Amino acid sequence: MDLGLADRVFILTGASRGLGLATARALIADGARVVISSRDADRVAEAVETLGGADRAAGVTTDLADPSTPRELVHTAQERFGRLDGALISVGGPTPGTAASMSDDQWTGAFETVFLGSVRAARTFAAALPEGGAIALVLSTSVKTPLAGLGLSNGFRPGLAMVAKDMADEFAPRGVRVLSILPGRFMTDRSRELFEATPDPATAAEAVAAGIPLRRIGEPTEFGQVAAFLLSPAASYVTGVAVPVDGGALRAL
């Protein structure tokens, strides 16, 4: 299936590894070019190389909490590749802990990065997109059901899904799509680090897999392929939705 991605250009935030990097790989495999960003300069440089170097990818070391970041990313895409067709907006997970245990400073910090940083990026990218452009926010299944010990995520992710829905209505007349993607458990580098921190990593991973109907933890490639499709012209009539990619783990509709 031709996704229509040849020579299109996409911004991906938080994409020096994990699900963002997997999406960048899927986009490039179908002929797109990407601008990736992250706060870690070494990881950004390494990711650009793995994506095929400067001909296919550009890297920017920056933080979505910085108000200037979205404009810098748009400028990079337009200067390096001459256009911008879409964006995948992802930020790292906020500090774990229950909602009641989080301090005011922790709530404020997460709001600045996770919530406001994502909203600012989405509206800035949308303003720069032509007809046929698309934006996807990488959120969490906490949009649909709370996750134990992740109070900040439970608080902010559902709000971001509704922001995406609101923006989908606003930008649809211009032919710009906005949607959310809700990943479940994937075997990213971060997941491996968390499993390795347990007394028995293999048993810990098996316990997580047992709670997923497909009985396995997803591979990042499986997320990246879905995200690339949703950002592509092949999904041109899909907007305003929250799409779970979780092996069936989410029990809500």
C-alpha atoms as a PDB file:
ATOM      1  CA  MET A   1       0.000   0.000   0.000  1.00  0.00           C
ATOM      2  CA  ASP A   2       1.380   3.386  -1.001  1.00  0.00           C
ATOM      3  CA  LEU A   3       0.859   5.783   1.908  1.00  0.00           C
ATOM      4  CA  GLY A   4       1.683   8.809  -0.233  1.00  0.00           C
ATOM      5  CA  LEU A   5       4.568   9.856   1.989  1.00  0.00           C
ATOM      6  CA  ALA A   6       7.258  10.319  -0.676  1.00  0.00           C
ATOM      7  CA  ASP A   7       9.123  13.611  -0.158  1.00  0.00           C
ATOM      8  CA  ARG A   8       6.770  14.773   2.588  1.00  0.00           C
ATOM      9  CA  VAL A   9       8.340  16.320   5.679  1.00  0.00           C
ATOM     10  CA  PHE A  10       7.390  15.693   9.298  1.00  0.00           C
ATOM     11  CA  ILE A  11       8.441  17.077  12.674  1.00  0.00           C
ATOM     12  CA  LEU A  12       8.697  14.562  15.521  1.00  0.00           C
ATOM     13  CA  THR A  13       9.322  15.774  19.065  1.00  0.00           C
ATOM     14  CA  GLY A  14      10.809  13.552  21.743  1.00  0.00           C
ATOM     15  CA  ALA A  15      11.986  11.301  18.939  1.00  0.00           C
ATOM     16  CA  SER A  16      15.615  10.488  19.668  1.00  0.00           C
ATOM     17  CA  ARG A  17      14.518   7.020  20.803  1.00  0.00           C
ATOM     18  CA  GLY A  18      11.452   4.955  21.617  1.00  0.00           C
ATOM     19  CA  LEU A  19       8.123   5.351  19.858  1.00  0.00           C
ATOM     20  CA  GLY A  20       9.044   8.666  18.248  1.00  0.00           C
ATOM     21  CA  LEU A  21      12.163   7.217  16.655  1.00  0.00           C
ATOM     22  CA  ALA A  22      10.207   4.165  15.510  1.00  0.00           C
ATOM     23  CA  THR A  23       7.711   6.475  13.798  1.00  0.00           C
ATOM     24  CA  ALA A  24      10.523   8.421  12.158  1.00  0.00           C
ATOM     25  CA  ARG A  25      11.911   5.156  10.771  1.00  0.00           C
ATOM     26  CA  ALA A  26       8.505   4.183   9.394  1.00  0.00           C
ATOM     27  CA  LEU A  27       8.025   7.575   7.734  1.00  0.00           C
ATOM     28  CA  ILE A  28      11.483   7.502   6.141  1.00  0.00           C
ATOM     29  CA  ALA A  29      10.992   3.925   4.956  1.00  0.00           C
ATOM     30  CA  ASP A  30       8.035   5.198   2.923  1.00  0.00           C
ATOM     31  CA  GLY A  31      10.002   8.079   1.422  1.00  0.00           C
ATOM     32  CA  ALA A  32       9.444  10.931   3.873  1.00  0.00           C
ATOM     33  CA  ARG A  33      12.012  13.174   5.538  1.00  0.00           C
ATOM     34  CA  VAL A  34      11.954  14.156   9.176  1.00  0.00           C
ATOM     35  CA  VAL A  35      13.031  16.742  11.708  1.00  0.00           C
ATOM     36  CA  ILE A  36      13.461  15.132  15.110  1.00  0.00           C
ATOM     37  CA  SER A  37      13.960  16.843  18.452  1.00  0.00           C
ATOM     38  CA  SER A  38      14.951  15.872  21.962  1.00  0.00           C
ATOM     39  CA  ARG A  39      16.672  17.421  24.979  1.00  0.00           C
ATOM     40  CA  ASP A  40      19.700  15.105  24.671  1.00  0.00           C
ATOM     41  CA  ALA A  41      22.176  16.294  22.012  1.00  0.00           C
ATOM     42  CA  ASP A  42      24.073  13.005  21.817  1.00  0.00           C
ATOM     43  CA  ARG A  43      20.906  10.978  21.335  1.00  0.00           C
ATOM     44  CA  VAL A  44      19.664  13.385  18.671  1.00  0.00           C
ATOM     45  CA  ALA A  45      22.923  13.085  16.716  1.00  0.00           C
ATOM     46  CA  GLU A  46      22.911   9.293  17.009  1.00  0.00           C
ATOM     47  CA  ALA A  47      19.277   9.087  15.907  1.00  0.00           C
ATOM     48  CA  VAL A  48      19.915  11.227  12.814  1.00  0.00           C
ATOM     49  CA  GLU A  49      22.674   8.856  11.764  1.00  0.00           C
ATOM     50  CA  THR A  50      20.508   5.774  12.237  1.00  0.00           C
ATOM     51  CA  LEU A  51      17.797   7.435  10.115  1.00  0.00           C
ATOM     52  CA  GLY A  52      20.111   7.834   7.158  1.00  0.00           C
ATOM     53  CA  GLY A  53      21.962  11.043   7.896  1.00  0.00           C
ATOM     54  CA  ALA A  54      21.374  14.610   6.781  1.00  0.00           C
ATOM     55  CA  ASP A  55      19.711  13.685   3.489  1.00  0.00           C
ATOM     56  CA  ARG A  56      16.758  12.120   5.291  1.00  0.00           C
ATOM     57  CA  ALA A  57      16.753  13.635   8.780  1.00  0.00           C
ATOM     58  CA  ALA A  58      17.601  16.796  10.674  1.00  0.00           C
ATOM     59  CA  GLY A  59      18.042  16.946  14.435  1.00  0.00           C
ATOM     60  CA  VAL A  60      17.353  19.771  16.872  1.00  0.00           C
ATOM     61  CA  THR A  61      18.299  19.707  20.546  1.00  0.00           C
ATOM     62  CA  THR A  62      15.533  21.528  22.369  1.00  0.00           C
ATOM     63  CA  ASP A  63      12.743  21.284  24.953  1.00  0.00           C
ATOM     64  CA  LEU A  64       9.011  21.685  24.327  1.00  0.00           C
ATOM     65  CA  ALA A  65       8.780  23.675  27.566  1.00  0.00           C
ATOM     66  CA  ASP A  66      10.686  26.456  25.746  1.00  0.00           C
ATOM     67  CA  PRO A  67       8.128  28.697  23.981  1.00  0.00           C
ATOM     68  CA  SER A  68      10.498  29.200  21.033  1.00  0.00           C
ATOM     69  CA  THR A  69      10.856  25.473  20.284  1.00  0.00           C
ATOM     70  CA  PRO A  70       7.876  24.954  17.923  1.00  0.00           C
ATOM     71  CA  ARG A  71       8.850  27.920  15.737  1.00  0.00           C
ATOM     72  CA  GLU A  72      12.453  26.684  15.622  1.00  0.00           C
ATOM     73  CA  LEU A  73      11.308  23.246  14.466  1.00  0.00           C
ATOM     74  CA  VAL A  74       9.051  24.695  11.762  1.00  0.00           C
ATOM     75  CA  HIS A  75      11.912  26.900  10.562  1.00  0.00           C
ATOM     76  CA  THR A  76      14.286  23.915  10.460  1.00  0.00           C
ATOM     77  CA  ALA A  77      11.863  21.843   8.380  1.00  0.00           C
ATOM     78  CA  GLN A  78      11.249  24.633   5.903  1.00  0.00           C
ATOM     79  CA  GLU A  79      14.896  25.651   5.622  1.00  0.00           C
ATOM     80  CA  ARG A  80      16.333  22.127   5.351  1.00  0.00           C
ATOM     81  CA  PHE A  81      13.652  20.411   3.304  1.00  0.00           C
ATOM     82  CA  GLY A  82      11.527  23.216   1.848  1.00  0.00           C
ATOM     83  CA  ARG A  83       8.176  22.187   3.296  1.00  0.00           C
ATOM     84  CA  LEU A  84       6.227  20.834   6.262  1.00  0.00           C
ATOM     85  CA  ASP A  85       3.433  18.265   6.009  1.00  0.00           C
ATOM     86  CA  GLY A  86       2.797  17.051   9.539  1.00  0.00           C
ATOM     87  CA  ALA A  87       3.990  16.417  13.063  1.00  0.00           C
ATOM     88  CA  LEU A  88       4.093  13.813  15.811  1.00  0.00           C
ATOM     89  CA  ILE A  89       4.074  15.501  19.226  1.00  0.00           C
ATOM     90  CA  SER A  90       5.439  13.436  22.094  1.00  0.00           C
ATOM     91  CA  VAL A  91       6.862  14.358  25.483  1.00  0.00           C
ATOM     92  CA  GLY A  92       8.357  12.155  28.168  1.00  0.00           C
ATOM     93  CA  GLY A  93       6.155  10.728  30.879  1.00  0.00           C
ATOM     94  CA  PRO A  94       5.755  12.947  33.946  1.00  0.00           C
ATOM     95  CA  THR A  95       7.022  12.012  37.410  1.00  0.00           C
ATOM     96  CA  PRO A  96       5.269   8.883  38.743  1.00  0.00           C
ATOM     97  CA  GLY A  97       3.148   9.016  41.883  1.00  0.00           C
ATOM     98  CA  THR A  98      -0.485   9.399  42.844  1.00  0.00           C
ATOM     99  CA  ALA A  99      -2.326  12.604  42.011  1.00  0.00           C
ATOM    100  CA  ALA A 100      -2.647  13.513  45.697  1.00  0.00           C
ATOM    101  CA  SER A 101       1.052  12.911  46.412  1.00  0.00           C
ATOM    102  CA  MET A 102       2.270  15.370  43.758  1.00  0.00           C
ATOM    103  CA  SER A 103       3.337  18.813  44.980  1.00  0.00           C
ATOM    104  CA  ASP A 104       2.238  22.098  43.448  1.00  0.00           C
ATOM    105  CA  ASP A 105       5.670  22.432  41.839  1.00  0.00           C
ATOM    106  CA  GLN A 106       5.370  18.987  40.261  1.00  0.00           C
ATOM    107  CA  TRP A 107       1.918  19.790  38.878  1.00  0.00           C
ATOM    108  CA  THR A 108       3.137  23.132  37.547  1.00  0.00           C
ATOM    109  CA  GLY A 109       6.261  21.628  35.965  1.00  0.00           C
ATOM    110  CA  ALA A 110       4.295  18.872  34.259  1.00  0.00           C
ATOM    111  CA  PHE A 111       1.722  21.386  33.042  1.00  0.00           C
ATOM    112  CA  GLU A 112       4.433  23.519  31.426  1.00  0.00           C
ATOM    113  CA  THR A 113       6.045  20.588  29.618  1.00  0.00           C
ATOM    114  CA  VAL A 114       3.430  17.889  29.097  1.00  0.00           C
ATOM    115  CA  PHE A 115       0.330  20.028  28.635  1.00  0.00           C
ATOM    116  CA  LEU A 116       1.169  23.575  27.583  1.00  0.00           C
ATOM    117  CA  GLY A 117       4.246  22.494  25.617  1.00  0.00           C
ATOM    118  CA  SER A 118       2.114  20.093  23.572  1.00  0.00           C
ATOM    119  CA  VAL A 119      -0.696  22.610  23.020  1.00  0.00           C
ATOM    120  CA  ARG A 120       1.748  25.313  21.936  1.00  0.00           C
ATOM    121  CA  ALA A 121       3.461  22.934  19.530  1.00  0.00           C
ATOM    122  CA  ALA A 122       0.190  21.728  18.020  1.00  0.00           C
ATOM    123  CA  ARG A 123      -1.173  25.195  17.314  1.00  0.00           C
ATOM    124  CA  THR A 124       2.166  26.418  15.928  1.00  0.00           C
ATOM    125  CA  PHE A 125       2.570  23.409  13.649  1.00  0.00           C
ATOM    126  CA  ALA A 126      -1.054  23.625  12.509  1.00  0.00           C
ATOM    127  CA  ALA A 127      -0.602  27.250  11.494  1.00  0.00           C
ATOM    128  CA  ALA A 128       2.318  26.221   9.248  1.00  0.00           C
ATOM    129  CA  LEU A 129       0.644  23.216   7.612  1.00  0.00           C
ATOM    130  CA  PRO A 130      -0.905  23.219   4.138  1.00  0.00           C
ATOM    131  CA  GLU A 131      -4.120  21.464   3.199  1.00  0.00           C
ATOM    132  CA  GLY A 132      -3.613  17.749   3.708  1.00  0.00           C
ATOM    133  CA  GLY A 133      -1.357  18.230   6.740  1.00  0.00           C
ATOM    134  CA  ALA A 134      -1.752  16.165   9.895  1.00  0.00           C
ATOM    135  CA  ILE A 135      -0.797  16.340  13.567  1.00  0.00           C
ATOM    136  CA  ALA A 136      -0.811  13.408  15.993  1.00  0.00           C
ATOM    137  CA  LEU A 137      -0.347  13.729  19.754  1.00  0.00           C
ATOM    138  CA  VAL A 138       1.213  10.713  21.452  1.00  0.00           C
ATOM    139  CA  LEU A 139      -0.703  10.405  24.711  1.00  0.00           C
ATOM    140  CA  SER A 140      -1.507   7.285  26.749  1.00  0.00           C
ATOM    141  CA  THR A 141      -4.308   4.860  27.540  1.00  0.00           C
ATOM    142  CA  SER A 142      -4.734   7.036  30.661  1.00  0.00           C
ATOM    143  CA  VAL A 143      -6.928   9.123  28.334  1.00  0.00           C
ATOM    144  CA  LYS A 144      -9.560   6.394  28.752  1.00  0.00           C
ATOM    145  CA  THR A 145      -8.796   4.849  32.136  1.00  0.00           C
ATOM    146  CA  PRO A 146      -6.509   5.869  35.027  1.00  0.00           C
ATOM    147  CA  LEU A 147      -3.166   4.117  35.384  1.00  0.00           C
ATOM    148  CA  ALA A 148      -2.047   3.250  38.907  1.00  0.00           C
ATOM    149  CA  GLY A 149       0.700   5.496  40.230  1.00  0.00           C
ATOM    150  CA  LEU A 150       0.611   7.926  37.298  1.00  0.00           C
ATOM    151  CA  GLY A 151      -1.513  10.749  38.697  1.00  0.00           C
ATOM    152  CA  LEU A 152       0.019  13.501  36.574  1.00  0.00           C
ATOM    153  CA  SER A 153      -0.560  11.523  33.394  1.00  0.00           C
ATOM    154  CA  ASN A 154      -4.107  10.703  34.491  1.00  0.00           C
ATOM    155  CA  GLY A 155      -4.699  14.412  34.994  1.00  0.00           C
ATOM    156  CA  PHE A 156      -3.168  15.861  31.845  1.00  0.00           C
ATOM    157  CA  ARG A 157      -3.511  13.247  29.081  1.00  0.00           C
ATOM    158  CA  PRO A 158      -7.339  13.266  28.913  1.00  0.00           C
ATOM    159  CA  GLY A 159      -7.263  17.050  28.655  1.00  0.00           C
ATOM    160  CA  LEU A 160      -4.807  16.879  25.774  1.00  0.00           C
ATOM    161  CA  ALA A 161      -7.035  14.397  23.958  1.00  0.00           C
ATOM    162  CA  MET A 162      -9.894  16.879  24.212  1.00  0.00           C
ATOM    163  CA  VAL A 163      -7.591  19.690  23.014  1.00  0.00           C
ATOM    164  CA  ALA A 164      -6.784  17.550  19.967  1.00  0.00           C
ATOM    165  CA  LYS A 165     -10.516  17.028  19.387  1.00  0.00           C
ATOM    166  CA  ASP A 166     -11.141  20.779  19.663  1.00  0.00           C
ATOM    167  CA  MET A 167      -8.298  21.592  17.272  1.00  0.00           C
ATOM    168  CA  ALA A 168      -9.530  18.935  14.852  1.00  0.00           C
ATOM    169  CA  ASP A 169     -12.809  20.846  14.597  1.00  0.00           C
ATOM    170  CA  GLU A 170     -11.037  24.185  14.244  1.00  0.00           C
ATOM    171  CA  PHE A 171      -8.541  23.190  11.554  1.00  0.00           C
ATOM    172  CA  ALA A 172     -10.661  20.722   9.555  1.00  0.00           C
ATOM    173  CA  PRO A 173     -12.058  23.431   7.229  1.00  0.00           C
ATOM    174  CA  ARG A 174      -8.451  24.093   6.157  1.00  0.00           C
ATOM    175  CA  GLY A 175      -7.950  20.391   5.435  1.00  0.00           C
ATOM    176  CA  VAL A 176      -5.615  19.891   8.421  1.00  0.00           C
ATOM    177  CA  ARG A 177      -6.197  16.793  10.564  1.00  0.00           C
ATOM    178  CA  VAL A 178      -5.522  16.507  14.312  1.00  0.00           C
ATOM    179  CA  LEU A 179      -5.755  13.278  16.303  1.00  0.00           C
ATOM    180  CA  SER A 180      -4.375  11.416  19.314  1.00  0.00           C
ATOM    181  CA  ILE A 181      -2.606   8.062  19.565  1.00  0.00           C
ATOM    182  CA  LEU A 182      -2.833   6.082  22.807  1.00  0.00           C
ATOM    183  CA  PRO A 183       0.079   3.657  23.166  1.00  0.00           C
ATOM    184  CA  GLY A 184      -0.023   0.775  25.604  1.00  0.00           C
ATOM    185  CA  ARG A 185       3.052  -1.152  26.716  1.00  0.00           C
ATOM    186  CA  PHE A 186       5.934  -1.301  24.237  1.00  0.00           C
ATOM    187  CA  MET A 187       9.421  -2.743  24.605  1.00  0.00           C
ATOM    188  CA  THR A 188      11.244   0.558  24.323  1.00  0.00           C
ATOM    189  CA  ASP A 189      14.667   1.276  25.821  1.00  0.00           C
ATOM    190  CA  ARG A 190      12.876   2.884  28.766  1.00  0.00           C
ATOM    191  CA  SER A 191      10.778  -0.232  29.345  1.00  0.00           C
ATOM    192  CA  ARG A 192      13.891  -2.387  29.273  1.00  0.00           C
ATOM    193  CA  GLU A 193      15.528  -0.103  31.836  1.00  0.00           C
ATOM    194  CA  LEU A 194      12.511  -0.428  34.131  1.00  0.00           C
ATOM    195  CA  PHE A 195      12.443  -4.203  33.806  1.00  0.00           C
ATOM    196  CA  GLU A 196      16.190  -4.418  34.422  1.00  0.00           C
ATOM    197  CA  ALA A 197      15.687  -2.497  37.667  1.00  0.00           C
ATOM    198  CA  THR A 198      13.506  -5.317  39.053  1.00  0.00           C
ATOM    199  CA  PRO A 199      14.875  -8.393  40.847  1.00  0.00           C
ATOM    200  CA  ASP A 200      13.758 -10.653  37.973  1.00  0.00           C
ATOM    201  CA  PRO A 201      13.397  -8.739  34.664  1.00  0.00           C
ATOM    202  CA  ALA A 202      12.068 -11.725  32.701  1.00  0.00           C
ATOM    203  CA  THR A 203       9.360 -12.436  35.250  1.00  0.00           C
ATOM    204  CA  ALA A 204       8.409  -8.767  35.398  1.00  0.00           C
ATOM    205  CA  ALA A 205       8.039  -8.602  31.611  1.00  0.00           C
ATOM    206  CA  GLU A 206       5.995 -11.818  31.577  1.00  0.00           C
ATOM    207  CA  ALA A 207       3.647 -10.400  34.213  1.00  0.00           C
ATOM    208  CA  VAL A 208       3.019  -7.312  32.088  1.00  0.00           C
ATOM    209  CA  ALA A 209       2.474  -9.398  28.946  1.00  0.00           C
ATOM    210  CA  ALA A 210      -0.026 -11.617  30.788  1.00  0.00           C
ATOM    211  CA  GLY A 211      -2.286  -8.595  31.266  1.00  0.00           C
ATOM    212  CA  ILE A 212      -2.438  -7.855  27.526  1.00  0.00           C
ATOM    213  CA  PRO A 213      -4.968  -9.820  25.437  1.00  0.00           C
ATOM    214  CA  LEU A 214      -2.347 -10.487  22.720  1.00  0.00           C
ATOM    215  CA  ARG A 215      -0.134 -11.834  25.540  1.00  0.00           C
ATOM    216  CA  ARG A 216       2.935  -9.879  24.536  1.00  0.00           C
ATOM    217  CA  ILE A 217       4.465  -6.431  24.876  1.00  0.00           C
ATOM    218  CA  GLY A 218       4.441  -4.479  21.642  1.00  0.00           C
ATOM    219  CA  GLU A 219       7.490  -3.675  19.557  1.00  0.00           C
ATOM    220  CA  PRO A 220       8.108   0.032  18.795  1.00  0.00           C
ATOM    221  CA  THR A 221       7.947  -0.744  15.067  1.00  0.00           C
ATOM    222  CA  GLU A 222       4.303  -1.751  15.506  1.00  0.00           C
ATOM    223  CA  PHE A 223       3.496   1.676  16.913  1.00  0.00           C
ATOM    224  CA  GLY A 224       5.564   3.487  14.315  1.00  0.00           C
ATOM    225  CA  GLN A 225       3.752   1.854  11.409  1.00  0.00           C
ATOM    226  CA  VAL A 226       0.337   2.837  12.778  1.00  0.00           C
ATOM    227  CA  ALA A 227       1.491   6.404  13.480  1.00  0.00           C
ATOM    228  CA  ALA A 228       2.980   6.746   9.989  1.00  0.00           C
ATOM    229  CA  PHE A 229      -0.296   5.598   8.449  1.00  0.00           C
ATOM    230  CA  LEU A 230      -2.351   8.044  10.540  1.00  0.00           C
ATOM    231  CA  LEU A 231      -0.079  10.926   9.520  1.00  0.00           C
ATOM    232  CA  SER A 232      -0.148   9.932   5.872  1.00  0.00           C
ATOM    233  CA  PRO A 233      -2.514  10.937   3.044  1.00  0.00           C
ATOM    234  CA  ALA A 234      -3.798   7.358   3.141  1.00  0.00           C
ATOM    235  CA  ALA A 235      -5.644   8.327   6.353  1.00  0.00           C
ATOM    236  CA  SER A 236      -7.040  11.535   4.856  1.00  0.00           C
ATOM    237  CA  TYR A 237     -10.540  11.042   6.327  1.00  0.00           C
ATOM    238  CA  VAL A 238      -9.365  10.283   9.883  1.00  0.00           C
ATOM    239  CA  THR A 239      -9.397  13.225  12.305  1.00  0.00           C
ATOM    240  CA  GLY A 240     -10.544  14.099  15.808  1.00  0.00           C
ATOM    241  CA  VAL A 241     -10.165  10.551  17.129  1.00  0.00           C
ATOM    242  CA  ALA A 242      -8.081   8.895  19.850  1.00  0.00           C
ATOM    243  CA  VAL A 243      -6.592   5.668  18.464  1.00  0.00           C
ATOM    244  CA  PRO A 244      -5.386   3.009  20.953  1.00  0.00           C
ATOM    245  CA  VAL A 245      -2.363   0.941  19.935  1.00  0.00           C
ATOM    246  CA  ASP A 246      -2.134  -1.388  22.906  1.00  0.00           C
ATOM    247  CA  GLY A 247      -2.637  -5.039  21.977  1.00  0.00           C
ATOM    248  CA  GLY A 248      -6.207  -4.891  23.281  1.00  0.00           C
ATOM    249  CA  ALA A 249      -5.252  -3.929  26.845  1.00  0.00           C
ATOM    250  CA  LEU A 250      -7.648  -0.987  27.067  1.00  0.00           C
ATOM    251  CA  ARG A 251     -11.003  -2.191  28.375  1.00  0.00           C
ATOM    252  CA  ALA A 252     -12.958   0.999  27.621  1.00  0.00           C
ATOM    253  CA  LEU A 253     -14.480   1.718  24.219  1.00  0.00           C
END
